[in-house]
Amino acid sequence: MSGRVGDLSVKQADALAQFRENVKDILPQCPSQSDHFLLRWLRARNFNLQKAEAMLRKLGRNIEAITMVYDCEGLGMKHLYKPAIETYGEVLTMFEDNYPEGLKRLFVIKAPKLFPVAYNLVKHFLSEDTRRKVIVLGSNWQEVLQKYIDPEELPAYYGGKLTDPDGDPRCRTRITFGSEIPKTYYVRDSIKVDYDQCVTIGRGSSHQVEYELLAPNCALRWQFTCDGADIGFGVYMKKKIGEWMKASEMKEVVPNQRYNAHLVPEDGSLTCPEPGVYVLRFDNTYSIFQSKTVSFTVEVLLPSQVNQSER
């Protein structure tokens, strides 16, 4: 049985009745008193009455704001690919839209040197008030956490006194720690795209593709994937077509950065307000050992086509 209204086993129905009786003193303060509402808590704890009751009673507390701890251990370049950044940004936006003033402070611990780069990618999703609540801690992070969080509520793994009943200092029954995503969950192999061009870029090299736009407000649209490892990508502008120039000699339009296109295909677009020669540059100059094979498709849209795609 699913454990939902209309699909309860005899045992589940009995648990629901007992659960209602156990929490009748706090039900008037709950958002709902329906069976639908109560079954949510029972299903969340596999119909364990004691755990479900403890969970629901916490809801009855008047919580003005929360303190969050963001553990950055293991943060690396592989986490900074576009879909992950966009998803994280959506989560932050939903949090701010639905829980205004819900955050009291956010402590960042074990921040690697890469953290400023990661934070710059997502901070524009945050309001200025929320940004002021982000506190990056140094090596004394355990000492600071103990000043702001009751040691009885802080897992021993983070310097507090809280453990699981079995003594686990990480409190895994309360906290779900991140881990490697099983390769069976990868979607890359299920995404089939026919790309127009394929090029192998040697180690320490780059590859440039030029497009001459003769009218203002045309657009470039691109999608690419890479085998083996990440690849740098940027868009530049120059005056003459067919004249090879270094990146430093051209006007940078889309800043060059590295993309994990070997994990998820990368796509983007650019509206070009002025005519000229636009250069899409795939950058492998930072790789001293590995060549990269890049497959890509680029479209040039005229102003009329740009207007149609925006409707």
Protein backbone atom coordinates (compact mmCIF):
# COMPACT_ATOMS: atom_id res chain seq x y z
CA MET A 1 0.00 0.00 0.00
CA SER A 2 1.21 3.54 -0.79
CA GLY A 3 0.44 4.99 2.63
CA ARG A 4 -1.74 7.70 1.12
CA VAL A 5 -5.38 8.53 1.77
CA GLY A 6 -7.53 5.79 0.23
CA ASP A 7 -4.60 3.38 -0.07
CA LEU A 8 -3.80 2.37 3.52
CA SER A 9 -3.19 -1.08 4.93
CA VAL A 10 -4.91 -2.01 8.19
CA LYS A 11 -1.62 -1.45 10.03
CA GLN A 12 -1.13 1.96 8.40
CA ALA A 13 -4.71 3.01 9.22
CA ASP A 14 -4.18 2.03 12.86
CA ALA A 15 -0.92 4.01 12.94
CA LEU A 16 -2.71 7.06 11.54
CA ALA A 17 -5.40 6.88 14.22
CA GLN A 18 -2.80 6.50 16.98
CA PHE A 19 -0.69 9.30 15.53
CA ARG A 20 -3.66 11.68 15.54
CA GLU A 21 -4.31 10.81 19.19
CA ASN A 22 -0.64 11.29 20.15
CA VAL A 23 -0.37 14.78 18.65
CA LYS A 24 -3.87 16.10 19.35
CA ASP A 25 -2.44 18.71 21.74
CA ILE A 26 -0.50 20.49 18.96
CA LEU A 27 -2.84 19.91 16.00
CA PRO A 28 -4.66 23.25 16.43
CA GLN A 29 -1.35 25.05 15.80
CA CYS A 30 -0.54 23.00 12.69
CA PRO A 31 -1.20 24.28 9.14
CA SER A 32 -3.69 21.44 8.62
CA GLN A 33 -5.40 18.70 10.64
CA SER A 34 -6.36 16.47 7.70
CA ASP A 35 -5.33 12.86 7.16
CA HIS A 36 -3.40 14.02 4.09
CA PHE A 37 -1.27 16.27 6.31
CA LEU A 38 -0.64 13.70 9.03
CA LEU A 39 0.25 10.95 6.58
CA ARG A 40 3.06 13.09 5.18
CA TRP A 41 4.87 12.82 8.52
CA LEU A 42 4.19 9.11 8.88
CA ARG A 43 5.45 8.31 5.38
CA ALA A 44 8.55 10.43 5.98
CA ARG A 45 9.44 8.17 8.91
CA ASN A 46 8.19 4.87 7.47
CA PHE A 47 5.20 4.89 9.85
CA ASN A 48 7.43 4.93 12.93
CA LEU A 49 5.11 6.69 15.38
CA GLN A 50 7.81 7.94 17.72
CA LYS A 51 9.98 9.44 14.98
CA ALA A 52 7.02 10.95 13.13
CA GLU A 53 5.75 12.59 16.32
CA ALA A 54 9.17 14.04 17.14
CA MET A 55 9.38 15.41 13.62
CA LEU A 56 5.93 17.02 13.74
CA ARG A 57 6.45 18.54 17.18
CA LYS A 58 9.48 20.39 15.86
CA LEU A 59 7.13 22.04 13.36
CA GLY A 60 5.24 23.53 16.26
CA ARG A 61 8.23 25.64 17.29
CA ASN A 62 8.18 29.30 16.39
CA ILE A 63 11.35 29.59 14.30
CA GLU A 64 12.20 33.17 13.37
CA ALA A 65 15.36 32.39 11.40
CA ILE A 66 17.84 29.61 10.79
CA THR A 67 21.61 29.27 10.92
CA MET A 68 23.12 27.26 8.07
CA VAL A 69 26.52 25.62 7.78
CA TYR A 70 27.87 25.06 4.27
CA ASP A 71 30.65 22.48 4.27
CA CYS A 72 32.83 23.03 1.18
CA GLU A 73 35.05 19.99 1.67
CA GLY A 74 35.67 18.38 -1.72
CA LEU A 75 34.50 21.38 -3.76
CA GLY A 76 36.23 21.28 -7.13
CA MET A 77 36.04 22.32 -10.75
CA LYS A 78 33.76 19.39 -11.58
CA HIS A 79 31.00 21.07 -9.57
CA LEU A 80 31.18 24.32 -11.54
CA TYR A 81 29.42 23.27 -14.72
CA LYS A 82 26.48 25.28 -16.02
CA PRO A 83 23.49 23.02 -15.13
CA ALA A 84 24.69 22.69 -11.53
CA ILE A 85 25.15 26.44 -11.13
CA GLU A 86 21.72 27.13 -12.63
CA THR A 87 20.05 24.55 -10.37
CA TYR A 88 21.73 25.92 -7.28
CA GLY A 89 20.70 29.43 -8.30
CA GLU A 90 17.08 28.33 -8.66
CA VAL A 91 17.16 26.78 -5.18
CA LEU A 92 18.54 30.01 -3.69
CA THR A 93 15.93 32.08 -5.51
CA MET A 94 13.08 29.85 -4.29
CA PHE A 95 14.41 30.07 -0.73
CA GLU A 96 14.46 33.88 -0.83
CA ASP A 97 11.07 34.13 -2.57
CA ASN A 98 9.27 31.81 -0.15
CA TYR A 99 11.14 32.35 3.13
CA PRO A 100 11.91 36.07 3.33
CA GLU A 101 14.22 36.92 6.21
CA GLY A 102 14.43 33.18 6.91
CA LEU A 103 18.23 33.11 7.02
CA LYS A 104 19.97 34.43 10.12
CA ARG A 105 23.51 33.57 9.05
CA LEU A 106 25.31 31.15 6.75
CA PHE A 107 28.71 29.86 7.82
CA VAL A 108 31.03 28.56 5.10
CA ILE A 109 33.62 26.11 6.42
CA LYS A 110 36.56 24.27 4.82
CA ALA A 111 36.47 26.69 1.88
CA PRO A 112 39.14 25.81 -0.73
CA LYS A 113 40.95 28.38 -2.83
CA LEU A 114 38.34 27.74 -5.52
CA PHE A 115 35.48 29.01 -3.33
CA PRO A 116 35.63 32.70 -4.42
CA VAL A 117 35.17 31.55 -8.02
CA ALA A 118 32.19 29.37 -7.10
CA TYR A 119 30.63 32.09 -4.95
CA ASN A 120 30.94 34.69 -7.72
CA LEU A 121 28.92 32.40 -10.00
CA VAL A 122 25.94 32.22 -7.63
CA LYS A 123 26.01 35.40 -5.55
CA HIS A 124 23.99 37.37 -8.13
CA PHE A 125 21.05 35.10 -7.23
CA LEU A 126 21.17 36.49 -3.67
CA SER A 127 19.84 39.78 -2.36
CA GLU A 128 22.31 42.23 -0.86
CA ASP A 129 20.87 41.55 2.60
CA THR A 130 21.44 37.81 2.23
CA ARG A 131 25.00 38.34 0.98
CA ARG A 132 25.83 40.18 4.22
CA LYS A 133 24.83 37.06 6.17
CA VAL A 134 27.39 34.83 4.42
CA ILE A 135 30.42 34.37 6.69
CA VAL A 136 33.48 32.47 5.45
CA LEU A 137 35.32 30.93 8.40
CA GLY A 138 38.99 30.05 8.65
CA SER A 139 40.79 27.26 10.45
CA ASN A 140 39.03 28.13 13.74
CA TRP A 141 35.62 27.25 12.31
CA GLN A 142 34.79 24.71 15.04
CA GLU A 143 35.36 27.31 17.74
CA VAL A 144 33.12 29.83 15.96
CA LEU A 145 30.32 27.31 15.35
CA GLN A 146 30.23 26.47 19.05
CA LYS A 147 29.64 30.15 19.86
CA TYR A 148 26.53 30.37 17.69
CA ILE A 149 25.10 26.82 17.83
CA ASP A 150 24.18 24.93 20.98
CA PRO A 151 26.77 22.12 21.31
CA GLU A 152 23.91 19.74 22.12
CA GLU A 153 22.46 20.46 18.66
CA LEU A 154 25.77 20.49 16.77
CA PRO A 155 27.09 17.14 15.47
CA ALA A 156 30.30 15.99 17.13
CA TYR A 157 31.87 15.85 13.67
CA TYR A 158 31.60 19.65 13.61
CA GLY A 159 32.81 20.19 17.16
CA GLY A 160 29.56 19.75 19.09
CA LYS A 161 28.25 16.98 21.33
CA LEU A 162 25.43 15.53 19.22
CA THR A 163 25.75 11.95 17.96
CA ASP A 164 23.39 9.36 16.56
CA PRO A 165 22.08 6.66 18.92
CA ASP A 166 24.80 4.36 17.57
CA GLY A 167 27.47 6.97 18.35
CA ASP A 168 27.96 8.19 14.77
CA PRO A 169 29.52 11.71 15.09
CA ARG A 170 28.26 12.66 11.64
CA CYS A 171 24.61 12.09 12.66
CA ARG A 172 23.70 10.44 9.37
CA THR A 173 20.12 9.80 10.51
CA ARG A 174 19.68 13.59 10.54
CA ILE A 175 22.10 14.79 7.88
CA THR A 176 22.45 13.47 4.34
CA PHE A 177 26.03 13.97 3.22
CA GLY A 178 26.92 14.49 -0.40
CA SER A 179 28.72 11.77 -2.34
CA GLU A 180 29.76 10.77 -5.84
CA ILE A 181 26.85 10.37 -8.25
CA PRO A 182 26.66 6.77 -9.53
CA LYS A 183 27.57 6.55 -13.21
CA THR A 184 24.25 4.78 -13.83
CA TYR A 185 22.62 8.20 -13.23
CA TYR A 186 24.67 9.96 -15.89
CA VAL A 187 22.58 11.36 -18.74
CA ARG A 188 25.38 12.23 -21.15
CA ASP A 189 25.13 8.98 -23.08
CA SER A 190 21.35 9.40 -23.43
CA ILE A 191 21.71 12.86 -25.00
CA LYS A 192 22.15 12.31 -28.71
CA VAL A 193 23.00 15.41 -30.72
CA ASP A 194 24.21 15.56 -34.30
CA TYR A 195 26.90 18.24 -34.36
CA ASP A 196 27.95 20.01 -37.53
CA GLN A 197 31.69 20.01 -36.86
CA CYS A 198 34.24 17.98 -34.95
CA VAL A 199 37.83 19.00 -34.30
CA THR A 200 40.72 17.64 -32.26
CA ILE A 201 42.59 20.34 -30.38
CA GLY A 202 46.12 19.42 -29.40
CA ARG A 203 47.59 19.98 -25.95
CA GLY A 204 48.60 23.57 -25.41
CA SER A 205 46.62 24.67 -28.48
CA SER A 206 43.38 26.42 -29.37
CA HIS A 207 40.88 26.36 -32.23
CA GLN A 208 39.09 29.42 -33.64
CA VAL A 209 35.93 29.59 -35.75
CA GLU A 210 35.05 32.90 -37.45
CA TYR A 211 31.65 34.33 -38.38
CA GLU A 212 31.30 37.64 -40.21
CA LEU A 213 28.07 39.42 -39.27
CA LEU A 214 27.18 42.15 -41.74
CA ALA A 215 24.12 43.57 -39.96
CA PRO A 216 23.61 44.81 -36.39
CA ASN A 217 21.65 42.76 -33.85
CA CYS A 218 22.35 39.39 -35.42
CA ALA A 219 22.84 36.53 -33.00
CA LEU A 220 25.13 33.58 -32.56
CA ARG A 221 23.87 30.38 -30.98
CA TRP A 222 26.19 27.51 -30.11
CA GLN A 223 26.27 24.09 -28.54
CA PHE A 224 29.31 21.92 -27.96
CA THR A 225 30.56 18.83 -26.17
CA CYS A 226 34.05 17.62 -25.41
CA ASP A 227 35.61 14.20 -24.93
CA GLY A 228 37.95 13.42 -22.07
CA ALA A 229 38.00 16.56 -19.94
CA ASP A 230 36.90 20.19 -19.74
CA ILE A 231 37.53 22.77 -22.46
CA GLY A 232 37.90 26.54 -22.43
CA PHE A 233 35.52 28.66 -24.50
CA GLY A 234 35.13 32.35 -25.23
CA VAL A 235 33.86 34.72 -27.91
CA TYR A 236 35.98 37.51 -29.36
CA MET A 237 35.66 40.22 -31.99
CA LYS A 238 38.09 41.50 -34.62
CA LYS A 239 37.97 43.64 -37.77
CA LYS A 240 39.20 41.41 -40.60
CA ILE A 241 38.05 37.92 -41.53
CA GLY A 242 40.71 35.30 -42.27
CA GLU A 243 43.37 37.07 -40.21
CA TRP A 244 44.50 34.85 -37.34
CA MET A 245 45.02 36.70 -34.09
CA LYS A 246 45.84 35.76 -30.52
CA ALA A 247 43.09 36.06 -27.94
CA SER A 248 44.95 38.93 -26.28
CA GLU A 249 44.90 40.85 -29.57
CA MET A 250 41.12 40.66 -29.99
CA LYS A 251 38.23 42.27 -28.13
CA GLU A 252 36.80 39.85 -25.58
CA VAL A 253 33.00 39.66 -25.87
CA VAL A 254 32.19 36.52 -23.87
CA PRO A 255 34.94 35.97 -21.27
CA ASN A 256 36.93 32.79 -21.72
CA GLN A 257 36.30 30.16 -19.06
CA ARG A 258 36.55 26.41 -18.70
CA TYR A 259 33.42 24.28 -19.14
CA ASN A 260 32.81 20.69 -18.09
CA ALA A 261 31.36 19.92 -21.52
CA HIS A 262 32.64 16.35 -21.21
CA LEU A 263 29.91 15.82 -18.57
CA VAL A 264 27.03 17.90 -19.93
CA PRO A 265 26.78 19.55 -23.38
CA GLU A 266 27.24 23.31 -23.15
CA ASP A 267 25.02 25.76 -25.00
CA GLY A 268 24.68 29.52 -25.20
CA SER A 269 23.86 32.48 -27.38
CA LEU A 270 24.97 36.04 -27.98
CA THR A 271 23.15 38.97 -29.56
CA CYS A 272 25.70 41.07 -31.46
CA PRO A 273 24.71 44.75 -31.49
CA GLU A 274 27.36 45.74 -34.02
CA PRO A 275 28.58 44.15 -37.27
CA GLY A 276 32.00 42.59 -37.37
CA VAL A 277 33.94 39.35 -37.31
CA TYR A 278 33.10 37.25 -34.26
CA VAL A 279 35.47 34.49 -33.23
CA LEU A 280 34.41 31.46 -31.19
CA ARG A 281 37.56 30.16 -29.57
CA PHE A 282 37.98 26.72 -28.00
CA ASP A 283 40.89 26.88 -25.59
CA ASN A 284 43.10 23.93 -24.65
CA THR A 285 46.23 25.97 -23.95
CA TYR A 286 46.13 25.15 -20.24
CA SER A 287 46.42 21.39 -20.90
CA ILE A 288 50.04 20.28 -21.18
CA PHE A 289 49.35 16.56 -21.62
CA GLN A 290 45.90 15.95 -23.10
CA SER A 291 44.35 16.66 -26.47
CA LYS A 292 40.59 17.29 -26.64
CA THR A 293 38.03 16.38 -29.27
CA VAL A 294 35.29 19.00 -29.50
CA SER A 295 32.04 18.55 -31.41
CA PHE A 296 30.03 21.70 -31.99
CA THR A 297 27.21 23.39 -33.87
CA VAL A 298 26.95 27.14 -34.44
CA GLU A 299 23.97 29.01 -35.87
CA VAL A 300 23.87 32.59 -37.15
CA LEU A 301 20.47 34.23 -36.73
CA LEU A 302 19.40 37.36 -38.59
CA PRO A 303 17.61 40.11 -36.62
CA SER A 304 14.22 38.93 -37.90
CA GLN A 305 14.96 35.38 -36.74
CA VAL A 306 16.10 36.68 -33.36
CA ASN A 307 12.78 38.50 -32.90
CA GLN A 308 10.81 35.37 -33.84
CA SER A 309 12.72 33.18 -31.36
CA GLU A 310 11.98 35.66 -28.54
CA ARG A 311 8.21 35.54 -29.08
